[in-house]
Amino acid sequence: MRKILLALALLCVISGAQSQQLHFMSQYLQHNSMYNPAAAGMASKNMIGVSYRSMWSAFPGNPKTSMVYGDFELKKLKAGIGAYIYRDETGPTSRTGVQLAYSYHIKSKNEKSKFGIGLELRGLQYAVNKSKLNDALGSDPVLGGAQSKTAFDAGAGVYWTNNKLSVGAAVSQLIQSKLALANVPGSTLGGKLYRHYNLTANYKIKTDEDINIIPNAMVRVIENSPSELDLGVKVEYQEKVWWSMAYRVEQFWSLQAGFKIMQRVRATYSYDYYVAPIGVFTAGSGAHEVGIQFDMKK
């Protein structure tokens, strides 16, 4: 019984802190097309990158996310594409997926502003390592069900920028595909993917020839979960070095930094300090996120 209570408590803590089925990254300004397909290619900086995030190392089976991604502008087609391949692990569960985004760009006559309309496709395999559940769950129905389940879904978004102000709105898991590992007798609810709504905005303030200050915000609304609000400010110096501070309301503070290693390679790092709902349990372990991006354009 104690093991069952411990497993349920850990799952509740993780659900309360993440409040979503889809993984997230603290450095959301670096991953526009992951949250909004209409933002694919809008930065006009063709690049590929890798990211890794590890949360709450004080917990056994702490959440970890690995990603390989790319973002490209198709100038002749007036479009952009983005792609993410990721693996998200939390204890005995894992999610491995592919996300593809396409955006059609509409430019103003003076080309100072762009409007993007985007679509995304997702393929996801959700898996459970049952060997890690035997002691905790006993005869739970999940042990008699499938070890993994694959689902496909889609999303859409819009994005507008004039290189100073950028705003976007998107919805992921629009179809809400079914994702049930087992049939539970007497259950009236089946497992499925829930819609995630993302609203983003940032504004670039140029203080002089070298320094930009970028206030930014993201709102996530998830069905059957609490909404999330991220607020931050980023400071860039000659687009070679940057640092940022962000706050997810009632959850964590984030300190972030990045710099160019070479002319076309950038490295990033962030540390998240959780204040709720699990700050008292993490013993300051927080979350670490590292990434490397390579510019394809000179």
Protein backbone atom coordinates (compact mmCIF):
# COMPACT_ATOMS: atom_id res chain seq x y z
CA MET A 1 0.00 0.00 0.00
CA ARG A 2 2.83 2.41 0.84
CA LYS A 3 4.36 1.82 -2.62
CA ILE A 4 1.01 2.47 -4.29
CA LEU A 5 0.58 5.74 -2.40
CA LEU A 6 4.14 6.78 -3.25
CA ALA A 7 3.62 6.08 -6.96
CA LEU A 8 0.33 7.97 -7.01
CA ALA A 9 1.86 10.91 -5.14
CA LEU A 10 4.75 11.16 -7.59
CA LEU A 11 2.38 11.05 -10.58
CA CYS A 12 0.22 13.79 -9.04
CA VAL A 13 3.26 15.97 -8.37
CA ILE A 14 4.52 15.59 -11.94
CA SER A 15 1.05 16.27 -13.38
CA GLY A 16 0.62 19.36 -11.24
CA ALA A 17 4.03 20.78 -12.15
CA GLN A 18 3.92 20.13 -15.86
CA SER A 19 0.11 20.41 -16.27
CA GLN A 20 0.28 19.13 -19.83
CA GLN A 21 0.73 16.05 -22.01
CA LEU A 22 3.24 17.75 -24.32
CA HIS A 23 6.76 18.46 -23.14
CA PHE A 24 7.94 22.04 -22.80
CA MET A 25 11.27 23.88 -22.87
CA SER A 26 12.14 26.89 -20.71
CA GLN A 27 13.81 28.60 -23.67
CA TYR A 28 10.56 28.88 -25.63
CA LEU A 29 11.85 31.85 -27.65
CA GLN A 30 14.35 29.43 -29.23
CA HIS A 31 11.57 26.98 -30.19
CA ASN A 32 8.84 29.06 -31.82
CA SER A 33 7.82 26.43 -34.37
CA MET A 34 7.50 23.77 -31.64
CA TYR A 35 4.69 25.77 -30.04
CA ASN A 36 3.27 27.32 -33.20
CA PRO A 37 3.60 25.81 -36.71
CA ALA A 38 2.91 29.22 -38.29
CA ALA A 39 6.26 30.46 -36.90
CA ALA A 40 8.26 27.96 -39.00
CA GLY A 41 10.81 29.80 -41.13
CA MET A 42 9.67 33.24 -39.96
CA ALA A 43 13.06 34.10 -38.44
CA SER A 44 14.74 33.65 -41.86
CA LYS A 45 17.57 31.77 -40.14
CA ASN A 46 17.92 28.22 -41.42
CA MET A 47 19.31 26.15 -38.58
CA ILE A 48 19.47 22.74 -36.91
CA GLY A 49 19.93 22.05 -33.22
CA VAL A 50 19.83 19.65 -30.29
CA SER A 51 18.44 20.22 -26.79
CA TYR A 52 18.41 18.24 -23.55
CA ARG A 53 16.40 18.95 -20.39
CA SER A 54 16.58 17.17 -17.03
CA MET A 55 14.21 18.00 -14.15
CA TRP A 56 14.26 17.26 -10.42
CA SER A 57 17.32 15.04 -10.16
CA ALA A 58 16.43 14.48 -6.48
CA PHE A 59 13.55 12.24 -7.67
CA PRO A 60 14.12 8.68 -8.90
CA GLY A 61 12.94 8.45 -12.51
CA ASN A 62 13.07 12.22 -12.92
CA PRO A 63 11.70 13.67 -16.21
CA LYS A 64 14.17 13.98 -19.11
CA THR A 65 13.61 15.35 -22.62
CA SER A 66 15.93 15.04 -25.64
CA MET A 67 15.27 16.75 -28.98
CA VAL A 68 16.77 17.13 -32.45
CA TYR A 69 15.16 19.87 -34.52
CA GLY A 70 15.41 22.16 -37.51
CA ASP A 71 13.81 25.35 -38.83
CA PHE A 72 14.08 26.47 -42.46
CA GLU A 73 12.76 29.25 -44.69
CA LEU A 74 11.65 28.27 -48.22
CA LYS A 75 11.96 31.72 -49.71
CA LYS A 76 10.96 30.83 -53.28
CA LEU A 77 7.82 29.11 -52.02
CA LYS A 78 7.00 31.92 -49.56
CA ALA A 79 6.93 29.31 -46.82
CA GLY A 80 8.80 27.71 -43.96
CA ILE A 81 9.13 24.25 -42.44
CA GLY A 82 10.05 23.03 -38.98
CA ALA A 83 10.75 19.53 -37.67
CA TYR A 84 11.25 18.04 -34.19
CA ILE A 85 12.21 14.52 -33.17
CA TYR A 86 11.96 14.03 -29.42
CA ARG A 87 11.96 11.55 -26.57
CA ASP A 88 10.38 12.42 -23.24
CA GLU A 89 10.87 10.08 -20.26
CA THR A 90 9.32 10.18 -16.79
CA GLY A 91 9.96 7.16 -14.58
CA PRO A 92 8.40 4.07 -16.23
CA THR A 93 6.68 6.06 -18.99
CA SER A 94 8.13 7.49 -22.20
CA ARG A 95 6.92 9.43 -25.23
CA THR A 96 8.78 9.29 -28.53
CA GLY A 97 7.52 11.46 -31.33
CA VAL A 98 7.94 13.39 -34.55
CA GLN A 99 6.46 16.84 -35.16
CA LEU A 100 6.37 18.45 -38.62
CA ALA A 101 5.28 22.06 -39.22
CA TYR A 102 4.53 23.97 -42.41
CA SER A 103 3.89 27.71 -42.62
CA TYR A 104 2.77 29.82 -45.57
CA HIS A 105 4.11 33.39 -45.38
CA ILE A 106 2.26 36.52 -46.50
CA LYS A 107 4.44 39.63 -46.64
CA SER A 108 3.28 43.24 -46.62
CA LYS A 109 4.01 45.44 -49.64
CA ASN A 110 6.94 47.12 -47.90
CA GLU A 111 8.07 43.69 -46.55
CA LYS A 112 8.35 45.09 -43.01
CA SER A 113 5.80 42.63 -41.66
CA LYS A 114 4.98 38.97 -42.27
CA PHE A 115 1.92 36.88 -41.49
CA GLY A 116 2.14 33.10 -41.25
CA ILE A 117 -0.58 30.45 -41.44
CA GLY A 118 0.64 27.07 -40.25
CA LEU A 119 -0.31 23.41 -39.97
CA GLU A 120 1.42 20.64 -38.05
CA LEU A 121 1.35 16.85 -38.00
CA ARG A 122 2.40 14.73 -35.01
CA GLY A 123 3.20 11.08 -34.57
CA LEU A 124 3.56 9.85 -30.98
CA GLN A 125 4.38 6.53 -29.34
CA TYR A 126 3.48 6.35 -25.66
CA ALA A 127 5.09 3.44 -23.80
CA VAL A 128 5.15 1.99 -20.29
CA ASN A 129 8.00 -0.10 -18.88
CA LYS A 130 5.87 -2.56 -16.91
CA SER A 131 8.84 -4.04 -15.06
CA LYS A 132 9.05 -0.76 -13.11
CA LEU A 133 5.36 -0.94 -12.13
CA ASN A 134 4.94 -4.51 -10.87
CA ASP A 135 5.80 -3.77 -7.24
CA ALA A 136 3.78 -0.56 -7.05
CA LEU A 137 0.58 -1.42 -8.91
CA GLY A 138 0.04 -5.13 -8.28
CA SER A 139 -2.95 -6.21 -10.38
CA ASP A 140 -3.66 -2.83 -11.95
CA PRO A 141 -5.37 -3.18 -15.39
CA VAL A 142 -2.51 -1.34 -17.09
CA LEU A 143 -0.28 -4.38 -16.52
CA GLY A 144 -2.62 -6.47 -18.65
CA GLY A 145 -2.83 -3.92 -21.43
CA ALA A 146 -0.50 -2.94 -24.25
CA GLN A 147 3.06 -1.92 -23.49
CA SER A 148 2.95 0.90 -26.05
CA LYS A 149 0.44 2.81 -28.13
CA THR A 150 0.89 4.98 -31.23
CA ALA A 151 -1.28 7.94 -32.12
CA PHE A 152 -1.34 10.65 -34.79
CA ASP A 153 -2.69 14.14 -34.44
CA ALA A 154 -2.57 17.61 -35.98
CA GLY A 155 -2.55 21.29 -35.09
CA ALA A 156 -2.78 24.78 -36.58
CA GLY A 157 -1.67 28.32 -35.84
CA VAL A 158 -1.24 31.91 -36.97
CA TYR A 159 1.79 34.16 -36.41
CA TRP A 160 2.54 37.81 -37.22
CA THR A 161 5.78 39.78 -36.91
CA ASN A 162 7.25 43.08 -38.07
CA ASN A 163 10.70 42.24 -36.61
CA LYS A 164 9.86 44.28 -33.50
CA LEU A 165 6.51 42.97 -32.30
CA SER A 166 5.71 39.27 -32.73
CA VAL A 167 2.43 37.60 -31.70
CA GLY A 168 1.04 34.14 -32.31
CA ALA A 169 -1.77 31.74 -31.44
CA ALA A 170 -1.88 27.98 -31.99
CA VAL A 171 -3.62 24.77 -30.99
CA SER A 172 -1.95 21.34 -30.79
CA GLN A 173 -3.57 17.88 -30.64
CA LEU A 174 -6.59 19.31 -32.40
CA ILE A 175 -8.07 15.91 -33.30
CA GLN A 176 -7.68 14.54 -29.72
CA SER A 177 -6.75 11.03 -30.86
CA LYS A 178 -7.45 8.13 -28.52
CA LEU A 179 -4.48 6.81 -26.55
CA ALA A 180 -5.58 4.06 -24.16
CA LEU A 181 -3.17 1.31 -23.09
CA ALA A 182 -5.85 -0.81 -21.40
CA ASN A 183 -9.62 -1.23 -21.14
CA VAL A 184 -10.61 -0.49 -17.55
CA PRO A 185 -13.89 -2.17 -16.50
CA GLY A 186 -16.55 0.34 -15.49
CA SER A 187 -14.56 3.33 -16.75
CA THR A 188 -16.53 6.06 -18.51
CA LEU A 189 -13.45 7.96 -19.72
CA GLY A 190 -10.89 6.67 -22.22
CA GLY A 191 -7.34 7.86 -22.61
CA LYS A 192 -6.84 10.49 -25.30
CA LEU A 193 -4.70 13.44 -26.34
CA TYR A 194 -6.03 16.77 -25.07
CA ARG A 195 -5.87 20.08 -26.90
CA HIS A 196 -3.15 22.57 -25.94
CA TYR A 197 -3.66 26.25 -26.80
CA ASN A 198 -0.54 28.46 -26.97
CA LEU A 199 -0.50 32.26 -27.09
CA THR A 200 2.85 34.04 -27.45
CA ALA A 201 4.06 37.62 -27.71
CA ASN A 202 7.41 39.43 -27.61
CA TYR A 203 8.63 42.93 -28.42
CA LYS A 204 12.18 43.93 -29.40
CA ILE A 205 13.41 47.23 -27.93
CA LYS A 206 16.64 48.48 -29.52
CA THR A 207 18.45 50.60 -26.89
CA ASP A 208 21.50 51.29 -29.08
CA GLU A 209 23.42 49.74 -31.98
CA ASP A 210 24.53 46.76 -29.90
CA ILE A 211 21.84 45.95 -27.33
CA ASN A 212 18.26 44.64 -27.70
CA ILE A 213 15.85 44.12 -24.82
CA ILE A 214 13.01 41.66 -25.53
CA PRO A 215 10.10 41.36 -23.07
CA ASN A 216 8.14 38.17 -23.80
CA ALA A 217 5.20 36.11 -22.60
CA MET A 218 3.53 32.77 -23.25
CA VAL A 219 0.12 31.53 -22.13
CA ARG A 220 -0.77 27.83 -22.29
CA VAL A 221 -4.35 26.67 -21.87
CA ILE A 222 -4.73 22.90 -21.52
CA GLU A 223 -8.05 21.09 -21.30
CA ASN A 224 -8.65 19.53 -17.85
CA SER A 225 -5.48 21.15 -16.44
CA PRO A 226 -4.57 24.50 -14.92
CA SER A 227 -3.50 27.22 -17.36
CA GLU A 228 0.13 28.37 -17.34
CA LEU A 229 1.64 31.84 -17.75
CA ASP A 230 5.33 32.47 -18.50
CA LEU A 231 6.78 36.00 -18.33
CA GLY A 232 10.35 36.92 -19.22
CA VAL A 233 12.83 39.48 -20.45
CA LYS A 234 15.81 38.77 -22.70
CA VAL A 235 18.85 40.99 -23.30
CA GLU A 236 20.96 40.54 -26.48
CA TYR A 237 24.38 42.03 -27.17
CA GLN A 238 25.30 42.17 -30.89
CA GLU A 239 23.35 38.89 -31.28
CA LYS A 240 26.50 37.20 -29.95
CA VAL A 241 25.71 36.99 -26.24
CA TRP A 242 22.35 36.99 -24.46
CA TRP A 243 20.88 36.38 -21.04
CA SER A 244 17.31 36.08 -19.85
CA MET A 245 15.19 35.84 -16.72
CA ALA A 246 11.74 34.24 -16.78
CA TYR A 247 9.01 33.33 -14.32
CA ARG A 248 6.28 30.71 -14.67
CA VAL A 249 3.58 31.97 -12.35
CA GLU A 250 3.38 29.94 -9.13
CA GLN A 251 5.86 27.35 -10.43
CA PHE A 252 9.48 28.36 -11.09
CA TRP A 253 12.08 31.03 -11.84
CA SER A 254 14.40 30.52 -14.80
CA LEU A 255 17.85 32.00 -15.51
CA GLN A 256 19.05 31.54 -19.10
CA ALA A 257 22.11 32.44 -21.16
CA GLY A 258 23.55 31.86 -24.62
CA PHE A 259 26.55 32.82 -26.71
CA LYS A 260 28.18 32.21 -30.08
CA ILE A 261 30.99 29.68 -29.93
CA MET A 262 31.95 30.31 -33.54
CA GLN A 263 30.48 32.37 -36.34
CA ARG A 264 27.63 29.89 -36.94
CA VAL A 265 27.36 27.90 -33.70
CA ARG A 266 25.42 28.96 -30.58
CA ALA A 267 25.28 27.31 -27.14
CA THR A 268 22.48 27.84 -24.61
CA TYR A 269 21.85 26.95 -20.96
CA SER A 270 19.07 27.51 -18.46
CA TYR A 271 18.43 26.64 -14.82
CA ASP A 272 14.91 26.53 -13.37
CA TYR A 273 14.37 26.91 -9.62
CA TYR A 274 11.01 25.51 -8.55
CA VAL A 275 9.02 27.25 -5.84
CA ALA A 276 5.77 25.29 -6.21
CA PRO A 277 4.22 22.81 -6.15
CA ILE A 278 7.26 20.58 -5.47
CA GLY A 279 9.97 23.03 -4.43
CA VAL A 280 9.97 21.66 -0.89
CA PHE A 281 10.80 18.15 -2.20
CA THR A 282 13.45 18.94 -4.85
CA ALA A 283 16.14 20.16 -2.43
CA GLY A 284 17.15 22.83 -4.94
CA SER A 285 17.73 20.31 -7.75
CA GLY A 286 15.51 22.28 -10.16
CA ALA A 287 15.84 21.73 -13.90
CA HIS A 288 18.80 22.06 -16.26
CA GLU A 289 18.44 22.67 -20.00
CA VAL A 290 21.29 22.79 -22.53
CA GLY A 291 21.29 23.23 -26.30
CA ILE A 292 23.43 23.80 -29.38
CA GLN A 293 22.28 25.43 -32.63
CA PHE A 294 24.09 25.50 -35.97
CA ASP A 295 23.22 28.17 -38.57
CA MET A 296 22.98 26.79 -42.10
CA LYS A 297 23.12 30.27 -43.67
CA LYS A 298 26.32 32.29 -43.68
